[in-house]
Amino acid sequence: MQHLESAFTAARNELAHFTASCVACVIDDDAVTVINVGICRAYHRRGDELVQIGGDHAFVHHDAVVARRLLGMHSEEPAVEARVAIAAGDQLVLCTDTVWHAGGPERVMSVAAGSDLPAQPLQDAAAIVVTLE
């Protein structure tokens, strides 16, 4: 966990004049630790069940995602940390708000399944899917 905190501190210092969201994870033998600042999210998929890991710093206002905290933004609100038990076959999805907000849990599930191939990808949509062995 210390190396995640160090990475976030370094990023915050480098981004002193900019803002950004970031979600990162460390996978241990039987658990994943997630740390998040901003409007990106992490999800845990086991079979047909999809659960957001921890929280984020986002709220939706007039159909726009707004951040309460970002890297580079001075805020008293802490980074979100969470730890979840994992097993072989589980998937982790780390994604931007243009993935989770644009289509909700159904879109995140389709990204995890590898079936989300829109005719025109959303601008700035990004997701990393990790399948655990």
C-alpha atoms as a PDB file:
ATOM      1  CA  MET A   1       0.000   0.000   0.000  1.00  0.00           C
ATOM      2  CA  GLN A   2       2.904   2.343   0.741  1.00  0.00           C
ATOM      3  CA  HIS A   3       4.074   2.277  -2.896  1.00  0.00           C
ATOM      4  CA  LEU A   4       0.580   3.296  -4.104  1.00  0.00           C
ATOM      5  CA  GLU A   5       0.543   6.229  -1.695  1.00  0.00           C
ATOM      6  CA  SER A   6       4.049   7.233  -2.842  1.00  0.00           C
ATOM      7  CA  ALA A   7       2.966   7.083  -6.493  1.00  0.00           C
ATOM      8  CA  PHE A   8      -0.092   9.254  -5.776  1.00  0.00           C
ATOM      9  CA  THR A   9       2.062  11.781  -3.873  1.00  0.00           C
ATOM     10  CA  ALA A  10       4.545  11.958  -6.764  1.00  0.00           C
ATOM     11  CA  ALA A  11       1.704  12.384  -9.277  1.00  0.00           C
ATOM     12  CA  ARG A  12       0.112  15.115  -7.151  1.00  0.00           C
ATOM     13  CA  ASN A  13       3.428  16.996  -7.020  1.00  0.00           C
ATOM     14  CA  GLU A  14       4.012  16.666 -10.775  1.00  0.00           C
ATOM     15  CA  LEU A  15       0.448  17.739 -11.559  1.00  0.00           C
ATOM     16  CA  ALA A  16       0.514  20.824  -9.339  1.00  0.00           C
ATOM     17  CA  HIS A  17      -0.871  22.994 -12.154  1.00  0.00           C
ATOM     18  CA  PHE A  18      -3.114  20.359 -13.736  1.00  0.00           C
ATOM     19  CA  THR A  19      -5.843  18.028 -12.577  1.00  0.00           C
ATOM     20  CA  ALA A  20      -6.400  14.361 -13.353  1.00  0.00           C
ATOM     21  CA  SER A  21      -8.235  11.286 -12.169  1.00  0.00           C
ATOM     22  CA  CYS A  22      -6.429   8.087 -11.333  1.00  0.00           C
ATOM     23  CA  VAL A  23      -7.372   4.609 -10.185  1.00  0.00           C
ATOM     24  CA  ALA A  24      -4.693   2.021  -9.397  1.00  0.00           C
ATOM     25  CA  CYS A  25      -4.569  -1.407  -7.837  1.00  0.00           C
ATOM     26  CA  VAL A  26      -2.177  -3.892  -6.294  1.00  0.00           C
ATOM     27  CA  ILE A  27      -3.077  -7.560  -6.665  1.00  0.00           C
ATOM     28  CA  ASP A  28      -1.973  -9.900  -3.882  1.00  0.00           C
ATOM     29  CA  ASP A  29      -2.529 -13.649  -3.752  1.00  0.00           C
ATOM     30  CA  ASP A  30      -6.133 -13.486  -2.568  1.00  0.00           C
ATOM     31  CA  ALA A  31      -7.053  -9.792  -2.521  1.00  0.00           C
ATOM     32  CA  VAL A  32      -6.824  -6.564  -4.483  1.00  0.00           C
ATOM     33  CA  THR A  33      -6.201  -3.137  -2.970  1.00  0.00           C
ATOM     34  CA  VAL A  34      -7.576  -0.197  -4.930  1.00  0.00           C
ATOM     35  CA  ILE A  35      -6.826   3.484  -4.440  1.00  0.00           C
ATOM     36  CA  ASN A  36      -8.757   6.125  -6.334  1.00  0.00           C
ATOM     37  CA  VAL A  37      -8.764   9.895  -6.742  1.00  0.00           C
ATOM     38  CA  GLY A  38     -11.283  11.513  -9.050  1.00  0.00           C
ATOM     39  CA  ILE A  39     -13.978  10.120 -11.304  1.00  0.00           C
ATOM     40  CA  CYS A  40     -12.381   6.890 -12.529  1.00  0.00           C
ATOM     41  CA  ARG A  41     -13.741   3.692 -11.004  1.00  0.00           C
ATOM     42  CA  ALA A  42     -12.718   0.138 -10.245  1.00  0.00           C
ATOM     43  CA  TYR A  43     -15.133  -2.787 -10.503  1.00  0.00           C
ATOM     44  CA  HIS A  44     -14.910  -6.416  -9.402  1.00  0.00           C
ATOM     45  CA  ARG A  45     -16.672  -8.942 -11.612  1.00  0.00           C
ATOM     46  CA  ARG A  46     -17.345 -12.495 -10.471  1.00  0.00           C
ATOM     47  CA  GLY A  47     -19.574 -14.361 -12.907  1.00  0.00           C
ATOM     48  CA  ASP A  48     -22.675 -12.242 -13.497  1.00  0.00           C
ATOM     49  CA  GLU A  49     -22.071 -10.051 -10.428  1.00  0.00           C
ATOM     50  CA  LEU A  50     -20.447  -6.638 -10.819  1.00  0.00           C
ATOM     51  CA  VAL A  51     -19.573  -4.529  -7.760  1.00  0.00           C
ATOM     52  CA  GLN A  52     -17.852  -1.156  -7.608  1.00  0.00           C
ATOM     53  CA  ILE A  53     -14.730  -1.371  -5.445  1.00  0.00           C
ATOM     54  CA  GLY A  54     -14.639   1.438  -2.935  1.00  0.00           C
ATOM     55  CA  GLY A  55     -15.989   4.729  -4.150  1.00  0.00           C
ATOM     56  CA  ASP A  56     -14.987   7.746  -6.160  1.00  0.00           C
ATOM     57  CA  HIS A  57     -15.151  11.519  -5.984  1.00  0.00           C
ATOM     58  CA  ALA A  58     -17.897  11.935  -8.580  1.00  0.00           C
ATOM     59  CA  PHE A  59     -21.456  13.111  -8.685  1.00  0.00           C
ATOM     60  CA  VAL A  60     -23.747  13.543 -11.662  1.00  0.00           C
ATOM     61  CA  HIS A  61     -25.284  16.972 -12.243  1.00  0.00           C
ATOM     62  CA  HIS A  62     -27.511  17.578 -15.285  1.00  0.00           C
ATOM     63  CA  ASP A  63     -26.128  14.377 -16.869  1.00  0.00           C
ATOM     64  CA  ALA A  64     -22.515  15.550 -16.497  1.00  0.00           C
ATOM     65  CA  VAL A  65     -19.999  13.867 -14.209  1.00  0.00           C
ATOM     66  CA  VAL A  66     -18.470  16.373 -11.786  1.00  0.00           C
ATOM     67  CA  ALA A  67     -15.442  15.682  -9.578  1.00  0.00           C
ATOM     68  CA  ARG A  68     -15.266  16.690  -5.923  1.00  0.00           C
ATOM     69  CA  ARG A  69     -11.553  15.805  -5.870  1.00  0.00           C
ATOM     70  CA  LEU A  70      -8.807  15.315  -8.478  1.00  0.00           C
ATOM     71  CA  LEU A  71      -5.056  14.912  -8.420  1.00  0.00           C
ATOM     72  CA  GLY A  72      -3.667  18.432  -8.464  1.00  0.00           C
ATOM     73  CA  MET A  73      -6.772  19.876  -6.783  1.00  0.00           C
ATOM     74  CA  HIS A  74      -6.315  21.119  -3.244  1.00  0.00           C
ATOM     75  CA  SER A  75      -8.882  19.233  -1.197  1.00  0.00           C
ATOM     76  CA  GLU A  76      -9.280  17.848   2.279  1.00  0.00           C
ATOM     77  CA  GLU A  77     -11.183  14.885   0.878  1.00  0.00           C
ATOM     78  CA  PRO A  78      -8.903  11.808   1.061  1.00  0.00           C
ATOM     79  CA  ALA A  79      -8.184   9.292  -1.660  1.00  0.00           C
ATOM     80  CA  VAL A  80     -10.587   6.344  -1.627  1.00  0.00           C
ATOM     81  CA  GLU A  81      -8.983   3.069  -0.544  1.00  0.00           C
ATOM     82  CA  ALA A  82     -10.602  -0.369  -0.542  1.00  0.00           C
ATOM     83  CA  ARG A  83      -9.525  -4.004  -0.333  1.00  0.00           C
ATOM     84  CA  VAL A  84     -11.553  -6.886  -1.800  1.00  0.00           C
ATOM     85  CA  ALA A  85     -11.063 -10.664  -1.730  1.00  0.00           C
ATOM     86  CA  ILE A  86     -10.455 -12.162  -5.186  1.00  0.00           C
ATOM     87  CA  ALA A  87     -10.361 -15.638  -6.723  1.00  0.00           C
ATOM     88  CA  ALA A  88      -9.280 -17.243  -9.989  1.00  0.00           C
ATOM     89  CA  GLY A  89     -11.603 -16.288 -12.841  1.00  0.00           C
ATOM     90  CA  ASP A  90     -12.570 -12.932 -11.300  1.00  0.00           C
ATOM     91  CA  GLN A  91     -12.089  -9.788 -13.337  1.00  0.00           C
ATOM     92  CA  LEU A  92     -11.058  -6.282 -12.372  1.00  0.00           C
ATOM     93  CA  VAL A  93     -12.193  -3.386 -14.533  1.00  0.00           C
ATOM     94  CA  LEU A  94     -10.479  -0.015 -14.064  1.00  0.00           C
ATOM     95  CA  CYS A  95     -12.246   2.599 -16.170  1.00  0.00           C
ATOM     96  CA  THR A  96     -12.924   6.230 -16.930  1.00  0.00           C
ATOM     97  CA  ASP A  97     -16.266   7.907 -16.370  1.00  0.00           C
ATOM     98  CA  THR A  98     -16.963   7.721 -20.101  1.00  0.00           C
ATOM     99  CA  VAL A  99     -17.236   3.950 -19.629  1.00  0.00           C
ATOM    100  CA  TRP A 100     -19.274   3.719 -16.407  1.00  0.00           C
ATOM    101  CA  HIS A 101     -21.465   6.801 -16.923  1.00  0.00           C
ATOM    102  CA  ALA A 102     -22.185   6.315 -20.632  1.00  0.00           C
ATOM    103  CA  GLY A 103     -23.833   2.940 -20.266  1.00  0.00           C
ATOM    104  CA  GLY A 104     -23.956   2.100 -16.595  1.00  0.00           C
ATOM    105  CA  PRO A 105     -23.219  -1.352 -15.200  1.00  0.00           C
ATOM    106  CA  GLU A 106     -24.293  -3.012 -18.460  1.00  0.00           C
ATOM    107  CA  ARG A 107     -21.524  -1.234 -20.361  1.00  0.00           C
ATOM    108  CA  VAL A 108     -18.925  -2.134 -17.734  1.00  0.00           C
ATOM    109  CA  MET A 109     -20.028  -5.789 -17.960  1.00  0.00           C
ATOM    110  CA  SER A 110     -19.779  -5.743 -21.763  1.00  0.00           C
ATOM    111  CA  VAL A 111     -16.296  -4.194 -21.556  1.00  0.00           C
ATOM    112  CA  ALA A 112     -15.271  -6.946 -19.123  1.00  0.00           C
ATOM    113  CA  ALA A 113     -16.688  -9.586 -21.457  1.00  0.00           C
ATOM    114  CA  GLY A 114     -14.802  -8.082 -24.389  1.00  0.00           C
ATOM    115  CA  SER A 115     -18.007  -7.531 -26.337  1.00  0.00           C
ATOM    116  CA  ASP A 116     -18.144  -3.747 -26.145  1.00  0.00           C
ATOM    117  CA  LEU A 117     -17.247  -2.750 -29.684  1.00  0.00           C
ATOM    118  CA  PRO A 118     -19.264   0.390 -30.491  1.00  0.00           C
ATOM    119  CA  ALA A 119     -19.361   1.615 -34.086  1.00  0.00           C
ATOM    120  CA  GLN A 120     -17.829   4.879 -32.917  1.00  0.00           C
ATOM    121  CA  PRO A 121     -15.873   4.620 -29.643  1.00  0.00           C
ATOM    122  CA  LEU A 122     -16.540   7.339 -27.109  1.00  0.00           C
ATOM    123  CA  GLN A 123     -13.879  10.017 -26.942  1.00  0.00           C
ATOM    124  CA  ASP A 124     -11.524   9.526 -23.982  1.00  0.00           C
ATOM    125  CA  ALA A 125     -13.120   6.200 -23.022  1.00  0.00           C
ATOM    126  CA  ALA A 126     -10.545   3.933 -21.451  1.00  0.00           C
ATOM    127  CA  ALA A 127     -10.701   0.687 -19.538  1.00  0.00           C
ATOM    128  CA  ILE A 128      -8.238  -1.915 -18.340  1.00  0.00           C
ATOM    129  CA  VAL A 129      -9.608  -5.401 -17.771  1.00  0.00           C
ATOM    130  CA  VAL A 130      -7.603  -7.922 -15.752  1.00  0.00           C
ATOM    131  CA  THR A 131      -8.721 -11.555 -15.593  1.00  0.00           C
ATOM    132  CA  LEU A 132      -7.224 -13.329 -12.586  1.00  0.00           C
ATOM    133  CA  GLU A 133      -5.711 -16.762 -12.970  1.00  0.00           C
END
